[in-house]
Amino acid sequence: MRILVISDTHKSLGKVYSVLKDIYDKIGAVIHCGDVVDDVYRLKSMYPKLKFYKVKGNCDYGSSEPEEETFVIGGKKFLITHGHNYSVHWGTDRLYYKAAESGADICIYGHTHIPHIENRSGIILMNPGSLAQPRGGSNYSYGIVNVENSIIEPVIVEYR
């Protein structure tokens, strides 16, 4: 299964709609790692056949969505979170330990708006960056995770 991974959309979905227009028929799910999680409801109304996974971020005041979510796709355990509770601006150590503790194969987060992929001791940590407000000299970006034959292949895609 191919999964679109986004985060930190902040009510600016123009580029997300463009990406979905191009890859809609090639994906089976969307992961949104918060800020603004309500954007998922707008996306769901336009793409009701897609499965959406979501968590709230630090800008999702009053949201009843969880701050973390775990689920299995293709036999691989995913942990998604926004990342602010793990101080991801200062590094991914705390996030890695949480992923290891939860038995996750891949941990996807946002918050920094900076795309990042690393494989630490067999656990993949991925931040898709932002299609709304890139930071740190990065371009607009999103992620694609392909899970096939028990193999996880994460990719960051720059969007112009």
C-alpha atoms as a PDB file:
ATOM      1  CA  MET A   1       0.000   0.000   0.000  1.00  0.00           C
ATOM      2  CA  ARG A   2       1.165   3.516  -0.798  1.00  0.00           C
ATOM      3  CA  ILE A   3       0.403   6.174   1.804  1.00  0.00           C
ATOM      4  CA  LEU A   4       0.524   9.948   1.480  1.00  0.00           C
ATOM      5  CA  VAL A   5       2.096  11.521   4.567  1.00  0.00           C
ATOM      6  CA  ILE A   6       1.463  15.176   5.417  1.00  0.00           C
ATOM      7  CA  SER A   7       1.742  17.430   8.429  1.00  0.00           C
ATOM      8  CA  ASP A   8       1.470  21.070   9.419  1.00  0.00           C
ATOM      9  CA  THR A   9      -1.075  22.083   6.793  1.00  0.00           C
ATOM     10  CA  HIS A  10      -2.302  25.024   8.921  1.00  0.00           C
ATOM     11  CA  LYS A  11      -5.565  25.494   6.969  1.00  0.00           C
ATOM     12  CA  SER A  12      -3.657  25.876   3.696  1.00  0.00           C
ATOM     13  CA  LEU A  13      -4.665  22.912   1.556  1.00  0.00           C
ATOM     14  CA  GLY A  14      -4.018  24.219  -1.963  1.00  0.00           C
ATOM     15  CA  LYS A  15      -0.828  22.226  -2.486  1.00  0.00           C
ATOM     16  CA  VAL A  16      -2.323  19.170  -0.758  1.00  0.00           C
ATOM     17  CA  TYR A  17      -5.223  19.218  -3.242  1.00  0.00           C
ATOM     18  CA  SER A  18      -2.739  19.476  -6.117  1.00  0.00           C
ATOM     19  CA  VAL A  19      -0.738  16.519  -4.828  1.00  0.00           C
ATOM     20  CA  LEU A  20      -3.880  14.440  -4.289  1.00  0.00           C
ATOM     21  CA  LYS A  21      -5.097  15.263  -7.787  1.00  0.00           C
ATOM     22  CA  ASP A  22      -1.854  13.799  -9.160  1.00  0.00           C
ATOM     23  CA  ILE A  23      -1.565  10.691  -6.959  1.00  0.00           C
ATOM     24  CA  TYR A  24      -5.100   9.918  -5.751  1.00  0.00           C
ATOM     25  CA  ASP A  25      -5.401   6.719  -7.783  1.00  0.00           C
ATOM     26  CA  LYS A  26      -1.979   5.513  -6.585  1.00  0.00           C
ATOM     27  CA  ILE A  27      -2.535   5.704  -2.805  1.00  0.00           C
ATOM     28  CA  GLY A  28      -4.743   3.902  -0.312  1.00  0.00           C
ATOM     29  CA  ALA A  29      -4.400   6.113   2.743  1.00  0.00           C
ATOM     30  CA  VAL A  30      -3.347   9.505   4.100  1.00  0.00           C
ATOM     31  CA  ILE A  31      -1.524  10.168   7.363  1.00  0.00           C
ATOM     32  CA  HIS A  32      -1.797  13.679   8.836  1.00  0.00           C
ATOM     33  CA  CYS A  33       0.459  14.473  11.814  1.00  0.00           C
ATOM     34  CA  GLY A  34      -1.371  17.514  13.137  1.00  0.00           C
ATOM     35  CA  ASP A  35      -1.475  21.279  12.846  1.00  0.00           C
ATOM     36  CA  VAL A  36      -4.316  21.686  11.716  1.00  0.00           C
ATOM     37  CA  VAL A  37      -5.978  18.278  12.140  1.00  0.00           C
ATOM     38  CA  ASP A  38      -9.393  19.722  11.178  1.00  0.00           C
ATOM     39  CA  ASP A  39      -8.003  19.933   7.633  1.00  0.00           C
ATOM     40  CA  VAL A  40      -8.456  16.160   7.495  1.00  0.00           C
ATOM     41  CA  TYR A  41     -12.244  16.577   7.616  1.00  0.00           C
ATOM     42  CA  ARG A  42     -12.106  18.833   4.545  1.00  0.00           C
ATOM     43  CA  LEU A  43      -9.939  16.281   2.760  1.00  0.00           C
ATOM     44  CA  LYS A  44     -12.210  13.385   3.771  1.00  0.00           C
ATOM     45  CA  SER A  45     -15.224  15.142   2.290  1.00  0.00           C
ATOM     46  CA  MET A  46     -13.467  15.390  -1.095  1.00  0.00           C
ATOM     47  CA  TYR A  47     -11.791  11.955  -0.966  1.00  0.00           C
ATOM     48  CA  PRO A  48     -14.217   9.672   0.912  1.00  0.00           C
ATOM     49  CA  LYS A  49     -12.681   6.450  -0.451  1.00  0.00           C
ATOM     50  CA  LEU A  50      -9.298   7.092   1.195  1.00  0.00           C
ATOM     51  CA  LYS A  51      -8.487   5.886   4.703  1.00  0.00           C
ATOM     52  CA  PHE A  52      -7.256   8.740   6.927  1.00  0.00           C
ATOM     53  CA  TYR A  53      -5.081   8.458  10.034  1.00  0.00           C
ATOM     54  CA  LYS A  54      -4.644  11.598  12.113  1.00  0.00           C
ATOM     55  CA  VAL A  55      -3.374  13.079  15.356  1.00  0.00           C
ATOM     56  CA  LYS A  56      -3.593  16.542  16.811  1.00  0.00           C
ATOM     57  CA  GLY A  57      -0.679  18.923  17.107  1.00  0.00           C
ATOM     58  CA  ASN A  58       0.236  21.804  19.369  1.00  0.00           C
ATOM     59  CA  CYS A  59      -1.954  24.213  17.334  1.00  0.00           C
ATOM     60  CA  ASP A  60      -5.046  22.006  17.505  1.00  0.00           C
ATOM     61  CA  TYR A  61      -6.562  23.693  20.545  1.00  0.00           C
ATOM     62  CA  GLY A  62      -9.628  21.941  21.880  1.00  0.00           C
ATOM     63  CA  SER A  63      -9.395  19.023  19.451  1.00  0.00           C
ATOM     64  CA  SER A  64     -10.592  15.677  20.753  1.00  0.00           C
ATOM     65  CA  GLU A  65      -8.234  13.802  18.425  1.00  0.00           C
ATOM     66  CA  PRO A  66      -5.488  11.763  20.110  1.00  0.00           C
ATOM     67  CA  GLU A  67      -1.913  13.037  20.369  1.00  0.00           C
ATOM     68  CA  GLU A  68      -0.578   9.628  19.314  1.00  0.00           C
ATOM     69  CA  GLU A  69      -1.961   6.774  17.304  1.00  0.00           C
ATOM     70  CA  THR A  70      -0.681   3.300  16.511  1.00  0.00           C
ATOM     71  CA  PHE A  71      -1.975   1.011  13.779  1.00  0.00           C
ATOM     72  CA  VAL A  72      -0.776  -1.743  11.477  1.00  0.00           C
ATOM     73  CA  ILE A  73      -0.571  -1.564   7.698  1.00  0.00           C
ATOM     74  CA  GLY A  74       0.843  -4.425   5.673  1.00  0.00           C
ATOM     75  CA  GLY A  75       2.068  -6.155   8.813  1.00  0.00           C
ATOM     76  CA  LYS A  76       4.105  -3.115   9.919  1.00  0.00           C
ATOM     77  CA  LYS A  77       3.352  -1.123  13.060  1.00  0.00           C
ATOM     78  CA  PHE A  78       3.052   2.648  12.644  1.00  0.00           C
ATOM     79  CA  LEU A  79       3.273   5.220  15.420  1.00  0.00           C
ATOM     80  CA  ILE A  80       2.152   8.721  14.490  1.00  0.00           C
ATOM     81  CA  THR A  81       2.437  11.840  16.621  1.00  0.00           C
ATOM     82  CA  HIS A  82       2.949  15.539  16.053  1.00  0.00           C
ATOM     83  CA  GLY A  83       6.285  15.523  17.824  1.00  0.00           C
ATOM     84  CA  HIS A  84       6.047  18.566  20.084  1.00  0.00           C
ATOM     85  CA  ASN A  85       5.721  16.336  23.166  1.00  0.00           C
ATOM     86  CA  TYR A  86       9.060  14.749  22.247  1.00  0.00           C
ATOM     87  CA  SER A  87      11.058  17.964  21.747  1.00  0.00           C
ATOM     88  CA  VAL A  88      11.763  17.101  18.114  1.00  0.00           C
ATOM     89  CA  HIS A  89      13.175  20.599  17.525  1.00  0.00           C
ATOM     90  CA  TRP A  90      16.145  19.404  19.581  1.00  0.00           C
ATOM     91  CA  GLY A  91      16.508  15.943  18.059  1.00  0.00           C
ATOM     92  CA  THR A  92      14.746  12.622  17.658  1.00  0.00           C
ATOM     93  CA  ASP A  93      16.160  10.662  20.612  1.00  0.00           C
ATOM     94  CA  ARG A  94      13.018  10.844  22.767  1.00  0.00           C
ATOM     95  CA  LEU A  95      10.853  10.005  19.773  1.00  0.00           C
ATOM     96  CA  TYR A  96      13.050   7.037  18.892  1.00  0.00           C
ATOM     97  CA  TYR A  97      12.790   5.672  22.446  1.00  0.00           C
ATOM     98  CA  LYS A  98       8.994   6.018  22.353  1.00  0.00           C
ATOM     99  CA  ALA A  99       8.857   4.203  19.012  1.00  0.00           C
ATOM    100  CA  ALA A 100      11.100   1.418  20.331  1.00  0.00           C
ATOM    101  CA  GLU A 101       9.024   1.126  23.528  1.00  0.00           C
ATOM    102  CA  SER A 102       5.814   0.827  21.498  1.00  0.00           C
ATOM    103  CA  GLY A 103       7.262  -1.747  19.101  1.00  0.00           C
ATOM    104  CA  ALA A 104       6.813   0.501  16.079  1.00  0.00           C
ATOM    105  CA  ASP A 105       8.502  -0.226  12.784  1.00  0.00           C
ATOM    106  CA  ILE A 106       8.012   3.374  11.646  1.00  0.00           C
ATOM    107  CA  CYS A 107       7.317   6.580  13.558  1.00  0.00           C
ATOM    108  CA  ILE A 108       5.943   9.539  11.627  1.00  0.00           C
ATOM    109  CA  TYR A 109       5.897  13.032  13.114  1.00  0.00           C
ATOM    110  CA  GLY A 110       5.716  16.708  12.164  1.00  0.00           C
ATOM    111  CA  HIS A 111       6.080  19.951  14.127  1.00  0.00           C
ATOM    112  CA  THR A 112       9.425  21.151  12.745  1.00  0.00           C
ATOM    113  CA  HIS A 113       8.129  21.629   9.163  1.00  0.00           C
ATOM    114  CA  ILE A 114      11.501  20.221   8.049  1.00  0.00           C
ATOM    115  CA  PRO A 115      11.552  16.941   6.089  1.00  0.00           C
ATOM    116  CA  HIS A 116      13.616  14.161   7.635  1.00  0.00           C
ATOM    117  CA  ILE A 117      14.085  10.399   7.292  1.00  0.00           C
ATOM    118  CA  GLU A 118      16.383   8.246   9.355  1.00  0.00           C
ATOM    119  CA  ASN A 119      16.654   4.564  10.108  1.00  0.00           C
ATOM    120  CA  ARG A 120      17.835   4.025  13.642  1.00  0.00           C
ATOM    121  CA  SER A 121      18.359   0.413  14.689  1.00  0.00           C
ATOM    122  CA  GLY A 122      15.665  -0.746  12.276  1.00  0.00           C
ATOM    123  CA  ILE A 123      13.089   1.882  13.278  1.00  0.00           C
ATOM    124  CA  ILE A 124      12.286   4.456  10.622  1.00  0.00           C
ATOM    125  CA  LEU A 125      11.665   8.030  11.799  1.00  0.00           C
ATOM    126  CA  MET A 126      10.025  10.273   9.219  1.00  0.00           C
ATOM    127  CA  ASN A 127       8.922  13.889   9.086  1.00  0.00           C
ATOM    128  CA  PRO A 128       7.246  14.831   5.774  1.00  0.00           C
ATOM    129  CA  GLY A 129       7.935  18.549   6.181  1.00  0.00           C
ATOM    130  CA  SER A 130       5.101  20.891   5.222  1.00  0.00           C
ATOM    131  CA  LEU A 131       3.103  21.713   2.100  1.00  0.00           C
ATOM    132  CA  ALA A 132       1.982  24.960   3.735  1.00  0.00           C
ATOM    133  CA  GLN A 133       4.868  26.495   5.701  1.00  0.00           C
ATOM    134  CA  PRO A 134       8.288  24.964   5.044  1.00  0.00           C
ATOM    135  CA  ARG A 135      11.079  25.990   7.410  1.00  0.00           C
ATOM    136  CA  GLY A 136      14.803  25.652   7.870  1.00  0.00           C
ATOM    137  CA  GLY A 137      15.620  26.324   4.234  1.00  0.00           C
ATOM    138  CA  SER A 138      13.562  23.342   3.075  1.00  0.00           C
ATOM    139  CA  ASN A 139      11.124  23.373   0.174  1.00  0.00           C
ATOM    140  CA  TYR A 140       7.459  22.458   0.284  1.00  0.00           C
ATOM    141  CA  SER A 141       7.340  18.707   0.817  1.00  0.00           C
ATOM    142  CA  TYR A 142       5.310  15.641   1.644  1.00  0.00           C
ATOM    143  CA  GLY A 143       6.067  11.996   2.237  1.00  0.00           C
ATOM    144  CA  ILE A 144       5.165   8.744   0.569  1.00  0.00           C
ATOM    145  CA  VAL A 145       5.422   5.486   2.469  1.00  0.00           C
ATOM    146  CA  ASN A 146       5.133   2.289   0.512  1.00  0.00           C
ATOM    147  CA  VAL A 147       4.543  -0.914   2.471  1.00  0.00           C
ATOM    148  CA  GLU A 148       4.865  -4.014   0.348  1.00  0.00           C
ATOM    149  CA  ASN A 149       6.019  -7.562   1.108  1.00  0.00           C
ATOM    150  CA  SER A 150       6.807  -6.521   4.702  1.00  0.00           C
ATOM    151  CA  ILE A 151       9.190  -3.808   3.499  1.00  0.00           C
ATOM    152  CA  ILE A 152       8.724  -0.130   4.359  1.00  0.00           C
ATOM    153  CA  GLU A 153      10.013   2.375   1.815  1.00  0.00           C
ATOM    154  CA  PRO A 154       9.714   6.018   2.924  1.00  0.00           C
ATOM    155  CA  VAL A 155      10.423   8.866   0.493  1.00  0.00           C
ATOM    156  CA  ILE A 156      10.336  12.651   0.851  1.00  0.00           C
ATOM    157  CA  VAL A 157       8.963  14.431  -2.203  1.00  0.00           C
ATOM    158  CA  GLU A 158       9.757  18.096  -2.775  1.00  0.00           C
ATOM    159  CA  TYR A 159       6.900  20.056  -4.255  1.00  0.00           C
ATOM    160  CA  ARG A 160       7.228  23.276  -6.206  1.00  0.00           C
END
